[in-house]
N, C-alpha and C. Protein backbone atom coordinates (compact mmCIF):
# COMPACT_ATOMS: atom_id res chain seq x y z
N UNK A 1 45.08 128.38 155.92
CA UNK A 1 45.77 127.49 156.83
C UNK A 1 45.87 126.11 156.20
N UNK A 2 47.02 125.47 156.38
CA UNK A 2 47.21 124.08 155.94
C UNK A 2 47.10 123.19 157.18
N UNK A 3 46.36 122.10 157.04
CA UNK A 3 46.20 121.18 158.16
C UNK A 3 46.03 119.76 157.63
N UNK A 4 46.54 118.81 158.39
CA UNK A 4 46.39 117.40 158.05
C UNK A 4 45.37 116.79 158.99
N UNK A 5 44.48 115.98 158.44
CA UNK A 5 43.45 115.34 159.24
C UNK A 5 43.93 113.99 159.76
N UNK A 6 43.74 113.76 161.05
CA UNK A 6 43.92 112.42 161.60
C UNK A 6 42.83 111.55 160.98
N UNK A 7 43.04 110.26 160.98
CA UNK A 7 42.10 109.34 160.33
C UNK A 7 40.68 109.51 160.85
N UNK A 8 40.52 109.57 162.17
CA UNK A 8 39.15 109.69 162.71
C UNK A 8 38.52 111.02 162.32
N UNK A 9 39.30 112.09 162.25
CA UNK A 9 38.74 113.39 161.85
C UNK A 9 38.23 113.33 160.41
N UNK A 10 39.01 112.68 159.54
CA UNK A 10 38.59 112.50 158.15
C UNK A 10 37.28 111.72 158.09
N UNK A 11 37.24 110.57 158.77
CA UNK A 11 36.03 109.73 158.74
C UNK A 11 34.83 110.44 159.36
N UNK A 12 35.04 111.08 160.48
CA UNK A 12 33.93 111.76 161.15
C UNK A 12 33.41 112.92 160.31
N UNK A 13 34.29 113.59 159.58
CA UNK A 13 33.83 114.69 158.72
C UNK A 13 33.01 114.15 157.55
N UNK A 14 33.54 113.14 156.85
CA UNK A 14 32.84 112.67 155.65
C UNK A 14 31.55 111.91 155.98
N UNK A 15 31.43 111.42 157.22
CA UNK A 15 30.21 110.72 157.63
C UNK A 15 29.30 111.59 158.49
N UNK A 16 29.69 112.86 158.66
CA UNK A 16 28.93 113.81 159.46
C UNK A 16 28.67 113.29 160.88
N UNK A 17 29.69 112.70 161.46
CA UNK A 17 29.59 112.13 162.81
C UNK A 17 29.63 113.24 163.85
N UNK A 18 28.71 113.23 164.81
CA UNK A 18 28.69 114.29 165.83
C UNK A 18 29.90 114.26 166.77
N UNK A 19 30.72 113.22 166.71
CA UNK A 19 31.92 113.17 167.55
C UNK A 19 32.97 114.19 167.08
N UNK A 20 32.87 114.68 165.85
CA UNK A 20 33.79 115.69 165.36
C UNK A 20 33.47 117.02 166.05
N UNK A 21 34.48 117.65 166.62
CA UNK A 21 34.25 118.91 167.33
C UNK A 21 33.78 119.98 166.35
N UNK A 22 33.06 120.96 166.88
CA UNK A 22 32.58 122.04 166.01
C UNK A 22 33.75 122.87 165.50
N UNK A 23 34.79 123.04 166.30
CA UNK A 23 35.98 123.76 165.85
C UNK A 23 36.61 123.07 164.65
N UNK A 24 36.77 121.75 164.76
CA UNK A 24 37.35 120.98 163.65
C UNK A 24 36.45 121.03 162.42
N UNK A 25 35.15 120.89 162.62
CA UNK A 25 34.21 120.90 161.49
C UNK A 25 34.28 122.22 160.72
N UNK A 26 34.31 123.33 161.44
CA UNK A 26 34.36 124.64 160.79
C UNK A 26 35.68 124.80 160.03
N UNK A 27 36.78 124.42 160.64
CA UNK A 27 38.08 124.53 159.98
C UNK A 27 38.14 123.69 158.72
N UNK A 28 37.66 122.44 158.80
CA UNK A 28 37.70 121.53 157.65
C UNK A 28 36.80 122.03 156.52
N UNK A 29 35.64 122.55 156.87
CA UNK A 29 34.67 122.99 155.86
C UNK A 29 35.02 124.32 155.21
N UNK A 30 35.93 125.07 155.80
CA UNK A 30 36.29 126.38 155.27
C UNK A 30 37.12 126.21 153.99
N UNK A 31 36.59 126.63 152.84
CA UNK A 31 37.30 126.42 151.57
C UNK A 31 38.61 127.21 151.45
N UNK A 32 38.84 128.15 152.34
CA UNK A 32 40.10 128.89 152.29
C UNK A 32 41.25 128.11 152.93
N UNK A 33 40.92 127.02 153.62
CA UNK A 33 41.94 126.17 154.24
C UNK A 33 42.33 125.04 153.30
N UNK A 34 43.59 124.67 153.32
CA UNK A 34 44.08 123.53 152.55
C UNK A 34 44.09 122.32 153.48
N UNK A 35 43.17 121.40 153.24
CA UNK A 35 43.03 120.22 154.08
C UNK A 35 43.71 119.04 153.41
N UNK A 36 44.63 118.43 154.15
CA UNK A 36 45.46 117.36 153.61
C UNK A 36 45.12 116.02 154.25
N UNK A 37 45.22 114.99 153.44
CA UNK A 37 44.99 113.61 153.88
C UNK A 37 46.26 112.83 153.60
N UNK A 38 46.73 112.13 154.61
CA UNK A 38 47.92 111.29 154.44
C UNK A 38 47.51 109.93 153.89
N UNK A 39 48.31 109.35 153.01
CA UNK A 39 48.05 107.96 152.59
C UNK A 39 47.98 107.02 153.78
N UNK A 40 48.62 107.39 154.89
CA UNK A 40 48.54 106.57 156.10
C UNK A 40 47.10 106.43 156.56
N UNK A 41 46.28 107.46 156.36
CA UNK A 41 44.88 107.40 156.78
C UNK A 41 44.08 106.39 155.97
N UNK A 42 44.19 106.46 154.65
CA UNK A 42 43.38 105.51 153.89
C UNK A 42 43.95 104.11 153.96
N UNK A 43 45.22 103.98 154.24
CA UNK A 43 45.81 102.66 154.49
C UNK A 43 45.26 102.08 155.79
N UNK A 44 45.22 102.92 156.84
CA UNK A 44 44.67 102.50 158.13
C UNK A 44 43.20 102.10 158.00
N UNK A 45 42.43 102.87 157.25
CA UNK A 45 41.01 102.56 157.05
C UNK A 45 40.86 101.22 156.35
N UNK A 46 41.65 100.98 155.31
CA UNK A 46 41.58 99.71 154.58
C UNK A 46 41.86 98.53 155.50
N UNK A 47 42.86 98.66 156.35
CA UNK A 47 43.19 97.58 157.30
C UNK A 47 42.05 97.36 158.28
N UNK A 48 41.48 98.44 158.81
CA UNK A 48 40.39 98.30 159.77
C UNK A 48 39.14 97.70 159.13
N UNK A 49 38.90 98.01 157.87
CA UNK A 49 37.77 97.40 157.16
C UNK A 49 38.01 95.89 157.04
N UNK A 50 39.20 95.50 156.63
CA UNK A 50 39.53 94.09 156.47
C UNK A 50 39.40 93.34 157.79
N UNK A 51 39.78 93.97 158.89
CA UNK A 51 39.71 93.33 160.20
C UNK A 51 38.30 93.36 160.80
N UNK A 52 37.37 94.01 160.10
CA UNK A 52 36.00 94.10 160.60
C UNK A 52 35.81 95.14 161.68
N UNK A 53 36.76 96.05 161.84
CA UNK A 53 36.68 97.07 162.88
C UNK A 53 35.94 98.33 162.41
N UNK A 54 35.73 98.44 161.09
CA UNK A 54 35.05 99.60 160.56
C UNK A 54 34.15 99.16 159.41
N UNK A 55 32.89 98.90 159.73
CA UNK A 55 31.96 98.49 158.65
C UNK A 55 31.58 99.68 157.79
N UNK A 56 31.48 99.45 156.51
CA UNK A 56 31.08 100.52 155.59
C UNK A 56 29.91 100.05 154.73
N UNK A 57 29.14 101.02 154.26
CA UNK A 57 27.95 100.70 153.45
C UNK A 57 28.18 100.94 151.97
N UNK A 58 29.34 101.47 151.61
CA UNK A 58 29.69 101.70 150.21
C UNK A 58 31.05 101.05 149.97
N UNK A 59 31.40 100.79 148.72
CA UNK A 59 32.73 100.22 148.46
C UNK A 59 33.83 101.13 149.00
N UNK A 60 34.90 100.51 149.47
CA UNK A 60 36.04 101.24 150.04
C UNK A 60 36.52 102.36 149.12
N UNK A 61 36.75 102.05 147.85
CA UNK A 61 37.29 103.05 146.93
C UNK A 61 36.34 104.24 146.78
N UNK A 62 35.06 103.98 146.78
CA UNK A 62 34.07 105.06 146.71
C UNK A 62 34.16 105.94 147.95
N UNK A 63 34.21 105.31 149.11
CA UNK A 63 34.30 106.04 150.37
C UNK A 63 35.50 106.99 150.37
N UNK A 64 36.64 106.46 150.01
CA UNK A 64 37.88 107.25 150.07
C UNK A 64 37.93 108.32 148.98
N UNK A 65 37.71 107.92 147.73
CA UNK A 65 37.85 108.91 146.65
C UNK A 65 36.79 110.00 146.74
N UNK A 66 35.55 109.64 147.04
CA UNK A 66 34.53 110.67 147.17
C UNK A 66 34.77 111.52 148.41
N UNK A 67 35.24 110.90 149.50
CA UNK A 67 35.54 111.65 150.71
C UNK A 67 36.61 112.69 150.49
N UNK A 68 37.59 112.35 149.68
CA UNK A 68 38.67 113.30 149.39
C UNK A 68 38.24 114.29 148.30
N UNK A 69 37.80 113.78 147.17
CA UNK A 69 37.49 114.64 146.02
C UNK A 69 36.29 115.56 146.26
N UNK A 70 35.22 115.03 146.83
CA UNK A 70 34.01 115.84 147.01
C UNK A 70 34.18 116.97 148.01
N UNK A 71 35.21 116.88 148.84
CA UNK A 71 35.46 117.91 149.84
C UNK A 71 36.64 118.81 149.51
N UNK A 72 37.25 118.56 148.36
CA UNK A 72 38.38 119.39 147.95
C UNK A 72 39.64 119.16 148.75
N UNK A 73 39.73 118.01 149.41
CA UNK A 73 40.93 117.68 150.17
C UNK A 73 42.05 117.31 149.21
N UNK A 74 43.28 117.42 149.68
CA UNK A 74 44.45 117.05 148.89
C UNK A 74 45.21 115.95 149.61
N UNK A 75 45.82 115.08 148.84
CA UNK A 75 46.65 114.03 149.42
C UNK A 75 48.05 114.59 149.64
N UNK A 76 48.56 114.40 150.85
CA UNK A 76 49.94 114.77 151.16
C UNK A 76 50.79 113.51 151.01
N UNK A 77 51.52 113.40 149.90
CA UNK A 77 52.30 112.18 149.68
C UNK A 77 53.30 111.94 150.80
N UNK A 78 53.57 110.68 151.06
CA UNK A 78 54.61 110.33 152.03
C UNK A 78 55.94 110.41 151.30
N UNK A 79 56.78 111.29 151.76
CA UNK A 79 58.07 111.52 151.12
C UNK A 79 59.20 111.06 152.04
N UNK A 80 60.39 110.83 151.47
CA UNK A 80 61.53 110.42 152.30
C UNK A 80 61.81 111.39 153.46
N UNK A 81 61.58 112.68 153.25
CA UNK A 81 61.82 113.63 154.34
C UNK A 81 60.87 113.38 155.52
N UNK A 82 59.68 112.86 155.23
CA UNK A 82 58.73 112.53 156.30
C UNK A 82 59.18 111.29 157.06
N UNK A 83 59.59 110.27 156.32
CA UNK A 83 60.02 109.04 156.99
C UNK A 83 61.36 109.24 157.68
N UNK A 84 62.20 110.15 157.19
CA UNK A 84 63.46 110.45 157.87
C UNK A 84 63.18 111.00 159.26
N UNK A 85 62.13 111.79 159.39
CA UNK A 85 61.76 112.35 160.70
C UNK A 85 61.44 111.23 161.69
N UNK A 86 60.90 110.13 161.20
CA UNK A 86 60.57 109.00 162.08
C UNK A 86 61.81 108.42 162.76
N UNK A 87 62.96 108.56 162.14
CA UNK A 87 64.18 107.98 162.72
C UNK A 87 64.63 108.71 163.97
N UNK A 88 64.13 109.93 164.18
CA UNK A 88 64.52 110.70 165.36
C UNK A 88 63.33 111.04 166.26
N UNK A 89 62.15 110.63 165.88
CA UNK A 89 60.93 110.98 166.60
C UNK A 89 60.80 110.14 167.87
N UNK A 90 60.56 110.79 169.00
CA UNK A 90 60.34 110.06 170.24
C UNK A 90 59.10 109.18 170.11
N UNK A 91 59.07 108.10 170.87
CA UNK A 91 57.97 107.14 170.80
C UNK A 91 56.82 107.52 171.74
N UNK A 92 56.38 108.76 171.67
CA UNK A 92 55.23 109.17 172.48
C UNK A 92 53.98 108.44 172.03
N UNK A 93 53.91 108.18 170.76
CA UNK A 93 52.73 107.53 170.19
C UNK A 93 53.18 106.23 169.54
N UNK A 94 52.55 105.13 169.92
CA UNK A 94 52.99 103.83 169.41
C UNK A 94 52.23 103.38 168.18
N UNK A 95 51.23 104.13 167.77
CA UNK A 95 50.48 103.82 166.55
C UNK A 95 51.31 104.28 165.36
N UNK A 96 51.74 103.36 164.49
CA UNK A 96 52.61 103.76 163.38
C UNK A 96 51.96 104.73 162.40
N UNK A 97 50.66 104.65 162.22
CA UNK A 97 49.97 105.57 161.32
C UNK A 97 50.00 106.98 161.90
N UNK A 98 49.70 107.10 163.19
CA UNK A 98 49.71 108.41 163.84
C UNK A 98 51.12 108.99 163.91
N UNK A 99 52.11 108.15 164.14
CA UNK A 99 53.49 108.64 164.18
C UNK A 99 53.89 109.20 162.81
N UNK A 100 53.48 108.53 161.74
CA UNK A 100 53.80 109.02 160.41
C UNK A 100 53.10 110.36 160.14
N UNK A 101 51.84 110.47 160.52
CA UNK A 101 51.13 111.74 160.31
C UNK A 101 51.74 112.85 161.15
N UNK A 102 52.18 112.53 162.37
CA UNK A 102 52.85 113.53 163.20
C UNK A 102 54.14 113.99 162.52
N UNK A 103 54.89 113.03 161.98
CA UNK A 103 56.14 113.37 161.28
C UNK A 103 55.84 114.26 160.06
N UNK A 104 54.79 113.91 159.31
CA UNK A 104 54.43 114.73 158.15
C UNK A 104 54.08 116.15 158.59
N UNK A 105 53.29 116.28 159.65
CA UNK A 105 52.90 117.60 160.14
C UNK A 105 54.12 118.40 160.60
N UNK A 106 55.03 117.74 161.30
CA UNK A 106 56.23 118.42 161.79
C UNK A 106 57.10 118.90 160.64
N UNK A 107 57.35 118.03 159.67
CA UNK A 107 58.21 118.39 158.54
C UNK A 107 57.57 119.51 157.71
N UNK A 108 56.26 119.43 157.51
CA UNK A 108 55.56 120.42 156.68
C UNK A 108 55.26 121.71 157.44
N UNK A 109 55.39 121.67 158.77
CA UNK A 109 55.08 122.85 159.57
C UNK A 109 53.60 123.20 159.57
N UNK A 110 52.77 122.15 159.66
CA UNK A 110 51.32 122.36 159.59
C UNK A 110 50.65 121.82 160.86
N UNK A 111 49.40 122.16 161.03
CA UNK A 111 48.62 121.71 162.18
C UNK A 111 48.00 120.34 161.92
N UNK A 112 47.68 119.67 163.01
CA UNK A 112 47.04 118.36 162.98
C UNK A 112 45.63 118.52 163.53
N UNK A 113 44.64 118.03 162.81
CA UNK A 113 43.27 118.06 163.30
C UNK A 113 42.99 116.68 163.90
N UNK A 114 42.89 116.63 165.23
CA UNK A 114 42.76 115.35 165.91
C UNK A 114 42.25 115.53 167.33
N UNK A 115 41.49 114.55 167.79
CA UNK A 115 41.06 114.51 169.18
C UNK A 115 42.11 113.84 170.06
N UNK A 116 43.12 113.26 169.45
CA UNK A 116 44.13 112.47 170.15
C UNK A 116 45.14 113.37 170.84
N UNK A 117 45.08 113.42 172.18
CA UNK A 117 45.98 114.28 172.95
C UNK A 117 47.43 113.81 172.91
N UNK A 118 47.68 112.60 172.45
CA UNK A 118 49.07 112.11 172.35
C UNK A 118 49.88 112.98 171.39
N UNK A 119 49.22 113.63 170.44
CA UNK A 119 49.93 114.51 169.51
C UNK A 119 50.50 115.74 170.22
N UNK A 120 49.95 116.07 171.39
CA UNK A 120 50.44 117.22 172.13
C UNK A 120 51.88 117.02 172.61
N UNK A 121 52.33 115.79 172.68
CA UNK A 121 53.69 115.50 173.12
C UNK A 121 54.72 115.77 172.03
N UNK A 122 54.25 115.98 170.81
CA UNK A 122 55.11 116.35 169.70
C UNK A 122 54.99 117.86 169.48
N UNK A 123 55.88 118.43 168.75
CA UNK A 123 55.81 119.86 168.48
C UNK A 123 54.92 120.11 167.26
N UNK A 124 53.68 119.63 167.38
CA UNK A 124 52.70 119.79 166.31
C UNK A 124 51.49 120.52 166.87
N UNK A 125 51.12 121.65 166.29
CA UNK A 125 49.89 122.30 166.76
C UNK A 125 48.70 121.39 166.47
N UNK A 126 47.90 121.12 167.50
CA UNK A 126 46.73 120.25 167.36
C UNK A 126 45.47 121.08 167.49
N UNK A 127 44.57 120.88 166.54
CA UNK A 127 43.30 121.61 166.56
C UNK A 127 42.19 120.60 166.86
N UNK A 128 41.38 120.94 167.81
CA UNK A 128 40.20 120.14 168.09
C UNK A 128 39.12 121.03 168.69
């Protein structure tokens, strides 16, 4: 299965946070699944770190690269076909990072791993 992680799912998995559902944890940890990370996620994390909304104990680059590489995750590049979807996407979700990830999931035909029920308003299968 191919799935894209919402930013919080990525962070909760790499930090072993108990807020991550057991269903999501099992899916993410299964090496037979292709787990994708959007550049929107690490961009959002960088902004939140700068704003003091997400304190970290290791350098940002270490957190992101080890979080992706050590878990075998793949980066899903943002392509024009993804941003083209944004031009027709309803404004169910006002967070630009989440809207971009929803567009990526829709275009790629993959599931979204997220606790955010706002994704249910899009035609994206959400796993939690």
